[in-house]
């Protein structure tokens, strides 16, 4: 199992059934580091050097968040803007993340069929996630298939537990 950094970004984790269940399950994994960005930086003042050291010390980075308004919560964007600097993460000398794996673990309120040409969101989820794939490409990381859980508003406790186990299994690969 690769050392994995899970950058969790949920603005109200205590109220979350899905993201909280995932993090609680992953907390038991020896090679997984959970990093709750909202808890760490409630003022959004990202400690760049600390975050760069943390990212550099893991082989895989995972952005975990609820997918809403077709993107990630604001703190995750702030993390990208502050941490992924020219000369460190990209550019001719920016090789700190080269060769690492990058994955998204995200939940959607809408059902899977909502994401497609015939669905009410009109676009497949893969198209909506392209900016994250572009970020991985620019920084030299390998973009792994995302871990997706759709329709979270209607899931049973058993389905939530099963999704947490499935995520843990994916990260153990």
Protein backbone atom coordinates (compact mmCIF):
# COMPACT_ATOMS: atom_id res chain seq x y z
CA UNK A 1 0.00 0.00 0.00
CA UNK A 2 1.30 3.42 -0.95
CA UNK A 3 1.56 6.20 1.61
CA UNK A 4 -1.57 8.19 0.89
CA UNK A 5 -2.44 11.74 1.88
CA UNK A 6 -6.19 12.35 2.00
CA UNK A 7 -6.91 16.06 1.75
CA UNK A 8 -10.43 16.22 3.12
CA UNK A 9 -12.49 19.29 2.31
CA UNK A 10 -15.96 19.36 3.78
CA UNK A 11 -17.18 22.68 5.19
CA UNK A 12 -19.36 20.93 7.78
CA UNK A 13 -17.87 17.53 8.41
CA UNK A 14 -19.85 16.93 11.61
CA UNK A 15 -23.08 17.02 9.60
CA UNK A 16 -21.75 14.81 6.81
CA UNK A 17 -22.74 11.18 6.79
CA UNK A 18 -20.64 10.15 3.80
CA UNK A 19 -17.39 12.07 4.14
CA UNK A 20 -17.28 11.55 7.90
CA UNK A 21 -17.83 7.78 7.45
CA UNK A 22 -15.08 7.63 4.85
CA UNK A 23 -12.60 9.48 7.05
CA UNK A 24 -13.46 7.43 10.13
CA UNK A 25 -12.85 4.24 8.16
CA UNK A 26 -9.61 5.50 6.60
CA UNK A 27 -8.27 6.65 9.96
CA UNK A 28 -7.62 2.99 10.76
CA UNK A 29 -5.34 2.50 7.77
CA UNK A 30 -1.65 2.49 8.66
CA UNK A 31 -0.37 4.22 5.52
CA UNK A 32 -3.14 6.81 5.19
CA UNK A 33 -2.75 10.34 6.52
CA UNK A 34 -6.02 12.22 6.99
CA UNK A 35 -5.70 15.97 6.63
CA UNK A 36 -8.92 17.91 7.28
CA UNK A 37 -8.32 21.27 5.59
CA UNK A 38 -11.27 23.07 7.19
CA UNK A 39 -10.18 21.98 10.67
CA UNK A 40 -6.55 22.88 9.98
CA UNK A 41 -7.22 26.23 8.31
CA UNK A 42 -10.53 27.73 9.46
CA UNK A 43 -9.17 31.14 8.43
CA UNK A 44 -8.10 29.82 4.98
CA UNK A 45 -4.49 30.83 5.64
CA UNK A 46 -2.68 27.86 4.19
CA UNK A 47 0.82 27.16 5.55
CA UNK A 48 2.46 26.58 2.18
CA UNK A 49 5.77 25.02 3.24
CA UNK A 50 4.05 22.64 5.67
CA UNK A 51 1.60 21.54 2.99
CA UNK A 52 4.33 21.08 0.41
CA UNK A 53 6.34 18.92 2.81
CA UNK A 54 3.25 16.85 3.58
CA UNK A 55 2.40 16.34 -0.09
CA UNK A 56 6.00 15.51 -0.99
CA UNK A 57 6.20 12.85 1.73
CA UNK A 58 3.37 10.73 0.26
CA UNK A 59 3.20 8.67 -2.95
CA UNK A 60 -0.51 9.28 -3.53
CA UNK A 61 -2.68 12.36 -3.01
CA UNK A 62 -6.45 12.10 -2.69
CA UNK A 63 -8.83 15.03 -2.73
CA UNK A 64 -11.94 13.98 -0.80
CA UNK A 65 -14.96 16.24 -0.93
CA UNK A 66 -18.66 16.60 -1.64
CA UNK A 67 -19.15 17.62 -5.27
CA UNK A 68 -21.41 20.62 -5.49
CA UNK A 69 -21.72 23.49 -7.90
CA UNK A 70 -19.64 21.33 -10.24
CA UNK A 71 -16.45 21.74 -8.26
CA UNK A 72 -14.79 21.33 -4.89
CA UNK A 73 -15.31 23.33 -1.69
CA UNK A 74 -13.48 26.66 -1.58
CA UNK A 75 -10.69 25.59 0.74
CA UNK A 76 -9.52 22.91 -1.66
CA UNK A 77 -9.21 25.50 -4.43
CA UNK A 78 -7.34 27.76 -2.00
CA UNK A 79 -5.02 24.84 -1.20
CA UNK A 80 -4.30 24.35 -4.91
CA UNK A 81 -3.70 28.07 -5.46
CA UNK A 82 -1.36 28.39 -2.47
CA UNK A 83 0.51 25.07 -2.49
CA UNK A 84 0.92 24.16 -6.15
CA UNK A 85 3.43 26.87 -6.89
CA UNK A 86 5.52 27.46 -10.00
CA UNK A 87 8.98 26.03 -9.48
CA UNK A 88 7.72 23.52 -6.94
CA UNK A 89 4.71 21.75 -8.48
CA UNK A 90 5.12 22.76 -12.13
CA UNK A 91 7.42 24.62 -14.48
CA UNK A 92 10.87 23.57 -15.64
CA UNK A 93 12.10 23.10 -12.05
CA UNK A 94 8.74 22.16 -10.51
CA UNK A 95 9.00 18.41 -10.15
CA UNK A 96 8.02 17.79 -6.50
CA UNK A 97 4.88 15.84 -7.41
CA UNK A 98 6.15 14.05 -10.52
CA UNK A 99 5.41 10.35 -10.46
CA UNK A 100 2.88 10.54 -7.63
CA UNK A 101 -0.66 9.26 -8.01
CA UNK A 102 -3.66 11.54 -7.75
CA UNK A 103 -7.23 10.49 -7.08
CA UNK A 104 -10.55 12.09 -6.31
CA UNK A 105 -12.95 10.62 -3.74
CA UNK A 106 -16.21 12.45 -4.07
CA UNK A 107 -19.87 12.23 -3.30
CA UNK A 108 -22.78 13.70 -5.21
CA UNK A 109 -26.29 14.40 -4.01
CA UNK A 110 -27.74 13.61 -7.41
CA UNK A 111 -28.04 10.10 -8.81
CA UNK A 112 -25.54 8.75 -11.32
CA UNK A 113 -27.99 9.18 -14.21
CA UNK A 114 -28.10 12.93 -13.51
CA UNK A 115 -24.58 13.15 -14.93
CA UNK A 116 -24.83 12.66 -18.66
CA UNK A 117 -26.26 14.20 -21.79
CA UNK A 118 -29.78 13.11 -20.86
CA UNK A 119 -29.46 13.97 -17.17
CA UNK A 120 -30.35 17.23 -15.50
CA UNK A 121 -26.67 18.18 -15.12
CA UNK A 122 -26.20 17.63 -18.88
CA UNK A 123 -22.56 16.57 -18.69
CA UNK A 124 -20.88 13.32 -17.75
CA UNK A 125 -19.08 13.50 -14.44
CA UNK A 126 -15.76 12.86 -16.21
CA UNK A 127 -16.13 16.10 -18.16
CA UNK A 128 -16.91 18.05 -15.00
CA UNK A 129 -13.78 16.66 -13.35
CA UNK A 130 -11.44 17.68 -16.21
CA UNK A 131 -9.87 20.61 -14.29
CA UNK A 132 -8.60 18.14 -11.68
CA UNK A 133 -7.19 15.90 -14.39
CA UNK A 134 -5.51 18.91 -15.99
CA UNK A 135 -3.98 19.83 -12.61
CA UNK A 136 -2.62 16.29 -12.26
CA UNK A 137 -1.18 16.42 -15.77
CA UNK A 138 0.47 19.80 -15.24
CA UNK A 139 2.08 18.67 -11.98
CA UNK A 140 3.28 15.34 -13.37
CA UNK A 141 0.95 13.15 -11.34
CA UNK A 142 -0.89 10.10 -12.65
CA UNK A 143 -4.63 10.74 -12.59
CA UNK A 144 -6.36 7.64 -11.25
CA UNK A 145 -10.02 6.85 -11.89
CA UNK A 146 -12.08 8.71 -9.29
CA UNK A 147 -13.93 7.03 -6.46
CA UNK A 148 -17.51 8.24 -6.89
CA UNK A 149 -20.57 7.81 -4.73
CA UNK A 150 -23.74 9.18 -6.28
CA UNK A 151 -27.16 9.82 -4.79
CA UNK A 152 -25.95 10.13 -1.23
CA UNK A 153 -29.19 11.66 0.05
CA UNK A 154 -30.98 8.34 -0.28
CA UNK A 155 -28.35 5.87 0.95
CA UNK A 156 -28.89 3.56 3.90
CA UNK A 157 -26.38 3.28 6.73
CA UNK A 158 -25.32 -0.08 5.31
CA UNK A 159 -24.67 1.44 1.88
CA UNK A 160 -22.61 4.18 3.50
CA UNK A 161 -20.54 1.61 5.43
CA UNK A 162 -20.07 -0.41 2.24
CA UNK A 163 -18.85 2.69 0.40
CA UNK A 164 -16.31 3.39 3.16
CA UNK A 165 -15.02 -0.18 2.88
CA UNK A 166 -14.84 0.15 -0.90
CA UNK A 167 -12.82 3.36 -0.62
CA UNK A 168 -10.42 1.75 1.86
CA UNK A 169 -10.02 -1.19 -0.53
CA UNK A 170 -9.28 1.17 -3.45
CA UNK A 171 -6.60 2.95 -1.46
CA UNK A 172 -4.99 -0.32 -0.45
CA UNK A 173 -4.27 -1.16 -4.11
